[in-house]
Amino acid sequence: MLAKKTSKNQLTLPKDIVSEFADIEYFDVSVKGRAIILKPVRITPEGETLDDIRNKLKKLGISEKDVTDAVTWSRKRKS
């Protein structure tokens, strides 16, 4: 399928493609080689997001100390 770039640098996506993502309003756009990659993104209310992350960490058994240790490890200088 073809997508047309308009004079305002906007892409018109084919209806068949858009219908696959009917409930998606935003896409993360990146480039890989000569390809444009569109990944669907869901925007959630600000307050919900942090609670969802905390609940997921709790279900995975990841503690606050684990997160602190990971941040400390990632900030170490490479020799």
Protein backbone atom coordinates (compact mmCIF):
# COMPACT_ATOMS: atom_id res chain seq x y z
CA MET A 1 0.00 0.00 0.00
CA LEU A 2 1.12 3.53 -0.63
CA ALA A 3 1.02 6.53 1.69
CA LYS A 4 1.21 10.00 0.19
CA LYS A 5 3.27 12.84 1.66
CA THR A 6 1.41 16.14 1.37
CA SER A 7 2.88 19.58 0.66
CA LYS A 8 2.80 20.18 4.44
CA ASN A 9 4.95 17.05 5.06
CA GLN A 10 2.02 15.07 6.43
CA LEU A 11 1.40 11.42 5.55
CA THR A 12 -1.98 10.16 4.45
CA LEU A 13 -2.24 6.57 5.61
CA PRO A 14 -4.42 4.05 3.76
CA LYS A 15 -7.82 3.40 5.32
CA ASP A 16 -7.10 -0.35 5.63
CA ILE A 17 -4.04 0.39 7.77
CA VAL A 18 -5.74 3.01 9.96
CA SER A 19 -8.69 0.69 10.63
CA GLU A 20 -6.28 -1.74 12.33
CA PHE A 21 -5.54 0.99 14.91
CA ALA A 22 -9.00 2.50 15.37
CA ASP A 23 -8.50 3.22 19.09
CA ILE A 24 -4.98 4.67 18.68
CA GLU A 25 -4.53 8.42 18.33
CA TYR A 26 -0.74 8.77 18.70
CA PHE A 27 2.23 6.97 17.17
CA ASP A 28 5.91 7.02 18.11
CA VAL A 29 7.86 7.74 14.91
CA SER A 30 11.43 6.59 14.32
CA VAL A 31 13.76 5.83 11.44
CA LYS A 32 15.62 2.56 10.93
CA GLY A 33 17.85 2.66 7.89
CA ARG A 34 15.61 3.91 5.09
CA ALA A 35 12.37 2.84 6.81
CA ILE A 36 9.95 4.97 8.84
CA ILE A 37 8.64 3.02 11.85
CA LEU A 38 5.28 3.89 13.43
CA LYS A 39 4.52 2.33 16.83
CA PRO A 40 1.13 2.86 18.50
CA VAL A 41 1.24 4.78 21.79
CA ARG A 42 -1.50 4.98 24.40
CA ILE A 43 -1.63 8.16 26.45
CA THR A 44 -2.98 7.58 29.96
CA PRO A 45 -3.95 10.06 32.66
CA GLU A 46 -0.99 11.33 34.67
CA GLY A 47 -2.07 9.93 38.03
CA GLU A 48 -2.84 6.47 36.66
CA THR A 49 0.53 5.90 35.07
CA LEU A 50 2.62 6.00 38.22
CA ASP A 51 0.22 3.73 40.10
CA ASP A 52 0.23 1.28 37.19
CA ILE A 53 4.04 1.20 37.21
CA ARG A 54 4.18 0.69 40.97
CA ASN A 55 1.63 -2.14 40.77
CA LYS A 56 3.56 -3.82 37.97
CA LEU A 57 6.84 -3.57 39.92
CA LYS A 58 5.11 -5.06 42.97
CA LYS A 59 3.73 -7.97 40.92
CA LEU A 60 7.20 -8.61 39.51
CA GLY A 61 8.72 -8.59 43.00
CA ILE A 62 10.95 -5.59 42.29
CA SER A 63 11.63 -3.53 45.41
CA GLU A 64 12.61 0.11 45.83
CA LYS A 65 16.12 -1.10 46.73
CA ASP A 66 16.32 -3.02 43.43
CA VAL A 67 15.50 0.18 41.55
CA THR A 68 18.04 2.19 43.57
CA ASP A 69 20.71 -0.45 42.93
CA ALA A 70 19.90 -0.46 39.19
CA VAL A 71 20.20 3.33 38.98
CA THR A 72 23.50 3.26 40.90
CA TRP A 73 24.83 0.52 38.62
CA SER A 74 23.81 2.38 35.45
CA ARG A 75 25.47 5.61 36.61
CA LYS A 76 28.88 4.00 37.22
CA ARG A 77 31.60 5.32 34.96
CA LYS A 78 32.87 2.95 32.33
CA SER A 79 36.61 2.38 32.50
